[in-house]
Protein backbone atom coordinates (compact mmCIF):
# COMPACT_ATOMS: atom_id res chain seq x y z
CA UNK A 1 26.76 67.87 39.68
CA UNK A 2 27.01 64.28 40.98
CA UNK A 3 30.67 64.72 41.93
CA UNK A 4 29.89 67.95 43.78
CA UNK A 5 27.03 66.28 45.65
CA UNK A 6 29.28 63.38 46.71
CA UNK A 7 31.93 65.82 47.98
CA UNK A 8 29.30 67.39 50.21
CA UNK A 9 28.35 64.07 51.77
CA UNK A 10 25.74 62.61 49.43
CA UNK A 11 25.58 58.83 49.68
CA UNK A 12 24.14 58.31 46.24
CA UNK A 13 22.93 60.11 43.15
CA UNK A 14 19.72 59.33 41.25
CA UNK A 15 19.32 60.34 37.64
CA UNK A 16 16.12 61.74 36.21
CA UNK A 17 13.65 60.37 35.40
CA UNK A 18 13.41 58.23 38.52
CA UNK A 19 10.92 55.94 40.14
CA UNK A 20 9.56 56.67 43.60
CA UNK A 21 10.78 53.24 44.71
CA UNK A 22 14.35 54.23 43.79
CA UNK A 23 14.16 57.19 46.17
CA UNK A 24 12.62 55.07 48.93
CA UNK A 25 15.32 52.42 48.49
CA UNK A 26 18.10 55.02 48.69
CA UNK A 27 16.53 56.61 51.78
CA UNK A 28 16.30 53.21 53.48
CA UNK A 29 19.94 52.47 52.60
CA UNK A 30 21.02 55.84 54.00
CA UNK A 31 19.04 55.30 57.21
CA UNK A 32 20.49 51.82 57.63
CA UNK A 33 24.02 53.14 57.09
CA UNK A 34 23.46 55.96 59.59
CA UNK A 35 22.09 53.50 62.15
CA UNK A 36 25.15 51.25 61.74
CA UNK A 37 27.51 54.21 62.00
CA UNK A 38 25.74 55.46 65.12
CA UNK A 39 25.89 52.00 66.71
CA UNK A 40 29.61 51.74 65.92
CA UNK A 41 30.26 55.15 67.49
CA UNK A 42 28.36 54.18 70.64
CA UNK A 43 30.30 50.92 70.99
CA UNK A 44 33.61 52.66 70.27
CA UNK A 45 32.89 55.33 72.89
CA UNK A 46 31.91 52.66 75.43
CA UNK A 47 35.26 50.96 74.82
CA UNK A 48 37.13 54.25 75.22
CA UNK A 49 35.20 54.89 78.45
CA UNK A 50 36.19 51.47 79.79
CA UNK A 51 39.84 52.15 79.05
CA UNK A 52 39.55 55.62 80.61
CA UNK A 53 38.25 54.00 83.81
CA UNK A 54 41.62 52.30 84.33
CA UNK A 55 44.04 53.87 86.78
CA UNK A 56 47.25 55.36 85.41
CA UNK A 57 49.25 52.28 86.40
CA UNK A 58 46.61 49.95 84.94
CA UNK A 59 46.75 51.89 81.66
CA UNK A 60 50.53 51.52 81.60
CA UNK A 61 50.22 47.79 82.18
CA UNK A 62 47.41 47.52 79.61
CA UNK A 63 49.51 49.23 76.93
CA UNK A 64 52.59 47.13 77.63
CA UNK A 65 50.73 43.81 77.85
CA UNK A 66 48.79 44.60 74.66
CA UNK A 67 52.12 45.42 72.99
CA UNK A 68 53.30 41.91 73.83
CA UNK A 69 55.67 42.66 76.70
CA UNK A 70 56.19 40.00 79.34
CA UNK A 71 55.36 40.59 83.01
CA UNK A 72 59.02 40.45 83.99
CA UNK A 73 60.10 43.14 81.51
CA UNK A 74 57.11 45.32 82.47
CA UNK A 75 58.12 45.02 86.12
CA UNK A 76 61.69 46.03 85.37
CA UNK A 77 60.60 48.91 83.14
CA UNK A 78 58.11 50.29 85.69
CA UNK A 79 60.36 49.48 88.66
CA UNK A 80 57.73 47.39 90.42
CA UNK A 81 57.58 43.72 91.38
CA UNK A 82 56.46 41.09 88.92
CA UNK A 83 53.68 40.14 91.34
CA UNK A 84 52.41 43.75 91.28
CA UNK A 85 52.29 43.58 87.50
CA UNK A 86 50.28 40.36 87.74
CA UNK A 87 47.79 41.97 90.14
CA UNK A 88 47.37 45.04 87.92
CA UNK A 89 47.07 42.86 84.84
CA UNK A 90 44.32 40.87 86.53
CA UNK A 91 42.48 44.07 87.43
CA UNK A 92 42.78 45.32 83.85
CA UNK A 93 41.32 42.08 82.55
CA UNK A 94 38.40 42.32 85.00
CA UNK A 95 37.68 45.98 84.29
CA UNK A 96 37.81 45.49 80.53
CA UNK A 97 35.83 42.25 80.81
CA UNK A 98 38.23 40.09 78.83
CA UNK A 99 39.59 36.64 79.60
CA UNK A 100 42.46 36.18 77.19
CA UNK A 101 45.48 38.10 76.01
CA UNK A 102 44.11 37.93 72.46
CA UNK A 103 40.92 39.69 73.56
CA UNK A 104 42.99 42.34 75.35
CA UNK A 105 45.08 42.97 72.23
CA UNK A 106 41.90 43.12 70.15
CA UNK A 107 40.44 45.78 72.47
CA UNK A 108 43.63 47.81 72.17
CA UNK A 109 43.47 47.65 68.37
CA UNK A 110 39.77 48.55 68.34
CA UNK A 111 40.41 51.54 70.60
CA UNK A 112 42.94 52.88 68.10
CA UNK A 113 40.57 52.72 65.14
CA UNK A 114 39.19 56.03 63.97
CA UNK A 115 35.45 56.52 63.99
CA UNK A 116 33.62 56.70 60.66
């Protein structure tokens, strides 16, 4: 019965006889977990929305910069000037509210994570 309950989404299983405090503790744990999951989903969606606000060219630059490509190779690949890449890269950083390449890469990795 416990295995079946867990397959259907139960977070825990309490054996009989049980104390009322055990049930209250499990309910509080479940509520806390749900709150954390909800908060994560909100933050993840906000990140996805920020990325979606980028123009097509900015998204291309974002993906290539986050993948570690240099401005010069991005410019050659997209057939634009290196200065144009720099301008788009700057806009991406502003729109995503990051200051460093490491933060940009981190945002890219977070955006690819699946939601719980």
